[in-house]
Amino acid sequence: MAVIRRNILLNPTIRDAYLKGIMLLKQEVTAVTTSMLGIPGPNNPVRTYDLFVIWHYKAMMTPVPPGGNSNIRNAAHRGPIFLPWHRVMLAFLEQNLQRVLNDPSFGLPYWNWAIDGSLPPNLQMTTPVWMTDCLGGQGNPVTTGRFAFNAADPNCFRVRIASDASANLQQTNRGLRRSFGIDSPSLPTAIDVTSVLNTFFDPSLRKYDSPNWDKDSQGFRNRLEGFIGTGLHNQVHRWVGGDMMPASSPNDPVFYLHHCNIDRIWEQWMIFNGRTYLPDMTASISLLGHRIDDPIVSPLLGGATAATPRGTLDISATYGYDAFP
């Protein structure tokens, strides 16, 4: 049965379940250790939540195809695979939340940041998502909300694996960091979202992607990812700041609410334009890992998942959304 993904601010039950589930995954110890994953320092067990952090980091550091440059195109970003890869990641997280909550009907909530972004910049950091009954606010460390840091409490939310200033993965033991509005003065607006869906005014958006299939490509994927146009996905990461900035950005639980909203916008685009994806399998081998039937690369799960971009296009049997932009 398909679950429904809902706005986290319109359903307190879903909000509280998400907060509880994240804390359970953060506390759950796995059989995987830091040494097994090549992370320097003492050999410590890795928590389930932190596996997702490491997975995202390693995908960003993995050039696709092998031997390329991860700053041009990597296993999860800067190319066509951006939306399918994160759709697979969200599905894995949703399944794990359903497991620890013992609730197969739980759907991952989303944060509709465009509503907040339509407010004056000085009000965007005071909206309900940042209140103490939700994600808490900003700080170094964050000291409010469910993910507040308390050095005396071993069960509080702690960042244990993070990317350092040299983009290397390291072990740490600290609180979550946020710095609202420093690297971007505003969140994207509702008008920004409308612009990326409006193919009447920009016919290039009728295509999912286009050559050279990178951060300079014209098309829907790159406008939503945010390397061209108003910013959207990238802009939200910059606005939240702190732990949302490096490759270990899933350290902040807002990451998943943000990407669920990105996924929702993609789903809306497909309703308008068809469940299409480019490039197809006639594309050059230099796009290996980004073509429609290539296995989605997972550096943490042994090389590849069973998923392909084609397999992510229709999610109606698994989940749906309560509303669209």
Protein backbone atom coordinates (compact mmCIF):
# COMPACT_ATOMS: atom_id res chain seq x y z
CA MET A 1 0.00 0.00 0.00
CA ALA A 2 1.32 3.43 -0.93
CA VAL A 3 2.02 5.81 1.94
CA ILE A 4 1.30 9.54 1.79
CA ARG A 5 4.06 12.06 2.35
CA ARG A 6 2.69 15.16 4.07
CA ASN A 7 3.70 18.69 4.99
CA ILE A 8 5.47 18.40 8.37
CA LEU A 9 3.92 21.67 9.59
CA LEU A 10 0.33 20.63 8.91
CA ASN A 11 0.34 17.33 10.79
CA PRO A 12 1.69 17.26 14.38
CA THR A 13 1.40 13.45 14.51
CA ILE A 14 3.65 13.03 11.48
CA ARG A 15 6.01 15.71 12.83
CA ASP A 16 6.41 13.98 16.17
CA ALA A 17 6.84 10.57 14.54
CA TYR A 18 9.60 11.95 12.30
CA LEU A 19 11.44 13.51 15.25
CA LYS A 20 11.13 10.30 17.25
CA GLY A 21 12.24 8.11 14.36
CA ILE A 22 15.30 10.22 13.62
CA MET A 23 16.40 9.95 17.26
CA LEU A 24 15.90 6.18 17.21
CA LEU A 25 18.04 5.83 14.09
CA LYS A 26 20.63 8.15 15.64
CA GLN A 27 20.90 5.89 18.67
CA GLU A 28 20.74 2.54 16.85
CA VAL A 29 24.16 0.85 16.71
CA THR A 30 24.99 -1.22 13.62
CA ALA A 31 27.56 -3.94 12.96
CA VAL A 32 29.43 -1.55 10.67
CA THR A 33 32.48 0.18 12.15
CA THR A 34 34.46 3.26 11.21
CA SER A 35 37.51 1.15 10.36
CA MET A 36 35.46 -0.96 7.95
CA LEU A 37 34.57 2.24 6.09
CA GLY A 38 38.10 3.64 6.14
CA ILE A 39 37.31 6.53 8.48
CA PRO A 40 40.40 7.61 10.46
CA GLY A 41 40.53 7.41 14.25
CA PRO A 42 39.44 4.77 16.77
CA ASN A 43 37.36 1.85 15.54
CA ASN A 44 33.84 2.82 16.63
CA PRO A 45 30.46 1.35 15.69
CA VAL A 46 28.47 3.43 13.22
CA ARG A 47 24.88 4.37 14.03
CA THR A 48 22.18 3.72 11.44
CA TYR A 49 21.56 7.44 10.93
CA ASP A 50 25.25 8.07 10.35
CA LEU A 51 25.39 5.41 7.63
CA PHE A 52 23.22 7.74 5.53
CA VAL A 53 25.62 10.62 6.21
CA ILE A 54 28.57 8.51 5.06
CA TRP A 55 26.65 7.22 2.03
CA HIS A 56 25.92 10.76 0.83
CA TYR A 57 29.47 11.92 1.47
CA LYS A 58 31.02 9.01 -0.43
CA ALA A 59 28.61 9.50 -3.35
CA MET A 60 29.68 13.15 -3.63
CA MET A 61 33.33 12.13 -3.60
CA THR A 62 32.84 9.40 -6.23
CA PRO A 63 33.34 10.53 -9.82
CA VAL A 64 30.99 8.92 -12.32
CA PRO A 65 32.30 7.27 -14.38
CA PRO A 66 35.36 6.12 -12.37
CA GLY A 67 38.50 8.07 -13.15
CA GLY A 68 36.65 11.30 -13.81
CA ASN A 69 36.33 14.43 -11.70
CA SER A 70 33.72 14.43 -8.90
CA ASN A 71 33.50 18.24 -9.17
CA ILE A 72 32.23 17.87 -12.74
CA ARG A 73 29.79 15.00 -12.24
CA ASN A 74 29.56 12.59 -9.30
CA ALA A 75 27.47 9.61 -8.23
CA ALA A 76 24.65 11.77 -6.85
CA HIS A 77 25.04 15.39 -8.04
CA ARG A 78 25.94 17.74 -10.88
CA GLY A 79 24.25 15.55 -13.47
CA PRO A 80 21.02 13.78 -14.46
CA ILE A 81 21.23 11.21 -11.63
CA PHE A 82 20.67 13.92 -8.99
CA LEU A 83 16.92 13.36 -8.61
CA PRO A 84 16.80 9.54 -8.98
CA TRP A 85 19.74 9.06 -6.58
CA HIS A 86 18.13 11.12 -3.84
CA ARG A 87 14.77 9.46 -4.46
CA VAL A 88 16.43 6.11 -3.70
CA MET A 89 18.11 7.53 -0.58
CA LEU A 90 14.80 8.92 0.72
CA ALA A 91 13.13 5.55 0.14
CA PHE A 92 15.80 3.78 2.22
CA LEU A 93 15.40 6.29 5.03
CA GLU A 94 11.61 6.03 4.92
CA GLN A 95 11.82 2.24 5.19
CA ASN A 96 14.13 2.51 8.19
CA LEU A 97 11.85 5.02 9.89
CA GLN A 98 8.88 2.71 9.32
CA ARG A 99 10.92 -0.10 10.90
CA VAL A 100 12.02 1.71 14.08
CA LEU A 101 8.58 3.33 14.50
CA ASN A 102 6.89 -0.03 13.85
CA ASP A 103 4.55 1.81 11.51
CA PRO A 104 4.43 0.70 7.85
CA SER A 105 2.01 3.55 7.09
CA PHE A 106 4.54 6.26 8.01
CA GLY A 107 5.36 8.57 5.12
CA LEU A 108 8.42 10.82 5.13
CA PRO A 109 7.27 14.44 5.60
CA TYR A 110 8.45 17.41 3.57
CA TRP A 111 9.24 21.03 4.39
CA ASN A 112 7.65 23.44 1.93
CA TRP A 113 10.44 26.01 2.20
CA ALA A 114 8.93 28.14 -0.58
CA ILE A 115 6.26 29.35 1.86
CA ASP A 116 8.97 30.49 4.28
CA GLY A 117 11.01 31.96 1.42
CA SER A 118 8.09 34.17 0.40
CA LEU A 119 8.37 35.98 3.75
CA PRO A 120 10.77 38.88 4.39
CA PRO A 121 14.28 37.52 5.08
CA ASN A 122 14.23 38.58 8.75
CA LEU A 123 11.13 36.42 9.35
CA GLN A 124 12.30 33.28 7.57
CA MET A 125 14.31 32.07 10.56
CA THR A 126 11.34 32.39 12.92
CA THR A 127 8.86 30.14 11.09
CA PRO A 128 7.29 27.06 12.75
CA VAL A 129 9.78 24.54 11.34
CA TRP A 130 12.49 26.10 13.55
CA MET A 131 10.45 26.14 16.76
CA THR A 132 11.24 23.96 19.79
CA ASP A 133 8.46 21.48 18.96
CA CYS A 134 10.02 20.84 15.55
CA LEU A 135 13.65 21.13 14.39
CA GLY A 136 14.89 23.81 16.78
CA GLY A 137 16.77 26.89 15.66
CA GLN A 138 20.27 27.91 14.68
CA GLY A 139 23.52 27.97 16.63
CA ASN A 140 26.94 26.42 17.06
CA PRO A 141 25.72 24.16 18.50
CA VAL A 142 21.93 24.17 18.16
CA THR A 143 20.51 24.34 21.71
CA THR A 144 16.75 24.27 21.11
CA GLY A 145 14.35 21.63 19.86
CA ARG A 146 14.57 17.85 19.72
CA PHE A 147 18.07 17.94 18.21
CA ALA A 148 19.58 20.29 20.80
CA PHE A 149 23.04 19.52 22.12
CA ASN A 150 23.63 18.86 25.80
CA ALA A 151 27.18 17.76 26.61
CA ALA A 152 25.98 16.06 29.82
CA ASP A 153 23.39 13.95 28.00
CA PRO A 154 24.93 10.98 26.14
CA ASN A 155 21.61 10.36 24.38
CA CYS A 156 21.25 13.83 22.87
CA PHE A 157 21.59 14.38 19.13
CA ARG A 158 25.32 14.28 18.34
CA VAL A 159 27.23 14.72 15.10
CA ARG A 160 29.70 11.80 15.06
CA ILE A 161 30.83 11.68 11.41
CA ALA A 162 31.42 14.84 9.37
CA SER A 163 33.35 16.30 6.47
CA ASP A 164 36.21 18.54 7.61
CA ALA A 165 37.51 21.75 6.01
CA SER A 166 39.59 19.70 3.55
CA ALA A 167 36.55 17.63 2.52
CA ASN A 168 37.83 14.54 4.35
CA LEU A 169 35.57 12.37 6.46
CA GLN A 170 36.40 12.51 10.17
CA GLN A 171 35.05 11.32 13.50
CA THR A 172 33.78 13.96 15.88
CA ASN A 173 31.47 14.30 18.89
CA ARG A 174 29.64 17.60 18.89
CA GLY A 175 26.31 19.31 18.46
CA LEU A 176 24.50 20.15 15.24
CA ARG A 177 25.41 23.47 13.59
CA ARG A 178 23.17 25.92 11.68
CA SER A 179 23.80 29.50 10.56
CA PHE A 180 20.69 30.89 8.89
CA GLY A 181 21.00 33.37 6.03
CA ILE A 182 24.79 33.71 6.03
CA ASP A 183 25.65 32.08 2.70
CA SER A 184 22.32 32.93 1.07
CA PRO A 185 20.15 35.81 2.30
CA SER A 186 16.83 34.13 1.49
CA LEU A 187 15.16 30.80 0.90
CA PRO A 188 13.63 30.22 -2.56
CA THR A 189 10.16 31.68 -3.04
CA ALA A 190 6.91 30.26 -4.38
CA ILE A 191 7.57 32.28 -7.54
CA ASP A 192 10.95 30.54 -7.90
CA VAL A 193 9.24 27.15 -7.72
CA THR A 194 6.62 28.23 -10.26
CA SER A 195 9.36 29.38 -12.62
CA VAL A 196 11.01 25.94 -12.67
CA LEU A 197 7.67 24.30 -13.50
CA ASN A 198 6.56 26.88 -16.07
CA THR A 199 7.41 25.40 -19.48
CA PHE A 200 5.26 27.99 -21.27
CA PHE A 201 7.74 30.77 -20.50
CA ASP A 202 10.82 28.54 -20.70
CA PRO A 203 10.43 25.68 -23.23
CA SER A 204 13.84 24.27 -22.22
CA LEU A 205 12.19 23.06 -19.01
CA ARG A 206 10.13 20.53 -20.99
CA LYS A 207 13.31 18.45 -21.15
CA TYR A 208 14.53 16.69 -18.03
CA ASP A 209 18.17 17.42 -18.90
CA SER A 210 20.43 18.13 -21.87
CA PRO A 211 24.08 17.99 -22.98
CA ASN A 212 26.64 18.38 -21.52
CA TRP A 213 24.71 16.75 -18.66
CA ASP A 214 26.51 18.73 -15.95
CA LYS A 215 26.15 21.86 -13.80
CA ASP A 216 25.84 24.05 -16.92
CA SER A 217 23.08 22.02 -18.60
CA GLN A 218 19.82 23.61 -19.67
CA GLY A 219 16.69 21.82 -18.49
CA PHE A 220 14.54 21.00 -15.50
CA ARG A 221 17.03 18.95 -13.46
CA ASN A 222 19.70 21.61 -13.34
CA ARG A 223 17.21 24.40 -12.62
CA LEU A 224 15.89 22.38 -9.67
CA GLU A 225 19.35 21.32 -8.50
CA GLY A 226 20.23 25.00 -8.59
CA PHE A 227 23.38 25.52 -10.60
CA ILE A 228 21.45 27.72 -13.01
CA GLY A 229 18.39 29.83 -12.38
CA THR A 230 17.35 31.07 -8.96
CA GLY A 231 19.12 28.43 -6.85
CA LEU A 232 16.35 26.22 -5.38
CA HIS A 233 18.00 23.03 -3.99
CA ASN A 234 21.47 24.54 -3.57
CA GLN A 235 20.02 27.76 -2.18
CA VAL A 236 18.27 25.96 0.68
CA HIS A 237 21.52 24.23 1.70
CA ARG A 238 23.32 27.58 1.69
CA TRP A 239 20.57 29.37 3.62
CA VAL A 240 20.44 26.78 6.43
CA GLY A 241 24.25 26.76 6.55
CA GLY A 242 26.32 24.96 9.17
CA ASP A 243 26.12 21.21 8.75
CA MET A 244 23.97 21.58 5.62
CA MET A 245 26.94 23.00 3.70
CA PRO A 246 29.50 20.14 3.34
CA ALA A 247 29.15 16.71 1.72
CA SER A 248 28.05 15.33 5.10
CA SER A 249 24.89 17.49 4.95
CA PRO A 250 22.51 14.66 5.98
CA ASN A 251 23.84 15.28 9.51
CA ASP A 252 21.03 17.84 9.76
CA PRO A 253 17.60 16.16 9.82
CA VAL A 254 16.24 19.08 7.80
CA PHE A 255 18.16 17.56 4.86
CA TYR A 256 15.50 14.89 4.38
CA LEU A 257 12.58 17.30 4.72
CA HIS A 258 14.26 19.51 2.13
CA HIS A 259 14.95 16.68 -0.30
CA CYS A 260 11.45 15.32 0.14
CA ASN A 261 10.20 18.71 -1.06
CA ILE A 262 12.63 18.57 -4.01
CA ASP A 263 11.26 15.11 -4.83
CA ARG A 264 7.72 16.50 -4.62
CA ILE A 265 8.55 19.22 -7.15
CA TRP A 266 10.07 16.61 -9.48
CA GLU A 267 6.90 14.53 -9.17
CA GLN A 268 4.84 17.59 -10.07
CA TRP A 269 7.03 18.20 -13.14
CA MET A 270 6.49 14.60 -14.30
CA ILE A 271 2.71 14.97 -13.91
CA PHE A 272 2.94 17.93 -16.29
CA ASN A 273 5.56 16.62 -18.70
CA GLY A 274 5.51 12.82 -18.56
CA ARG A 275 7.71 10.33 -16.73
CA THR A 276 10.73 10.94 -18.88
CA TYR A 277 14.45 10.93 -18.22
CA LEU A 278 17.57 11.78 -20.20
CA PRO A 279 20.16 10.65 -21.19
CA ASP A 280 19.09 7.30 -22.61
CA MET A 281 21.39 4.33 -23.22
CA THR A 282 22.62 5.69 -26.56
CA ALA A 283 24.64 8.29 -24.66
CA SER A 284 28.39 8.02 -24.38
CA ILE A 285 30.01 5.64 -21.89
CA SER A 286 31.46 8.80 -20.35
CA LEU A 287 27.98 9.22 -18.79
CA LEU A 288 28.06 5.77 -17.17
CA GLY A 289 26.09 6.00 -13.93
CA HIS A 290 23.81 8.76 -15.25
CA ARG A 291 22.03 6.98 -18.14
CA ILE A 292 18.47 5.74 -17.78
CA ASP A 293 19.24 2.04 -17.26
CA ASP A 294 22.57 2.34 -15.44
CA PRO A 295 22.56 0.97 -11.88
CA ILE A 296 22.51 3.82 -9.37
CA VAL A 297 25.95 3.91 -7.77
CA SER A 298 26.25 3.39 -4.03
CA PRO A 299 29.83 3.56 -2.74
CA LEU A 300 28.58 2.43 0.69
CA LEU A 301 26.51 -0.55 -0.43
CA GLY A 302 29.14 -2.43 -2.39
CA GLY A 303 29.21 -0.49 -5.65
CA ALA A 304 25.64 -0.29 -6.93
CA THR A 305 22.03 -0.57 -5.86
CA ALA A 306 19.44 -2.57 -7.76
CA ALA A 307 17.75 0.70 -8.72
CA THR A 308 18.05 2.51 -12.04
CA PRO A 309 16.78 5.96 -13.03
CA ARG A 310 14.05 4.31 -15.09
CA GLY A 311 12.89 2.38 -12.04
CA THR A 312 12.44 5.56 -10.02
CA LEU A 313 10.14 7.36 -12.44
CA ASP A 314 6.84 5.87 -11.24
CA ILE A 315 6.53 5.72 -7.45
CA SER A 316 2.75 5.43 -7.29
CA ALA A 317 2.85 1.93 -5.78
CA THR A 318 5.12 3.09 -2.94
CA TYR A 319 4.19 6.64 -1.98
CA GLY A 320 2.40 9.79 -3.04
CA TYR A 321 2.10 13.39 -1.85
CA ASP A 322 -0.78 15.12 -0.12
CA ALA A 323 -0.45 18.23 -2.31
CA PHE A 324 1.70 19.75 -5.04
CA PRO A 325 3.18 23.21 -5.64
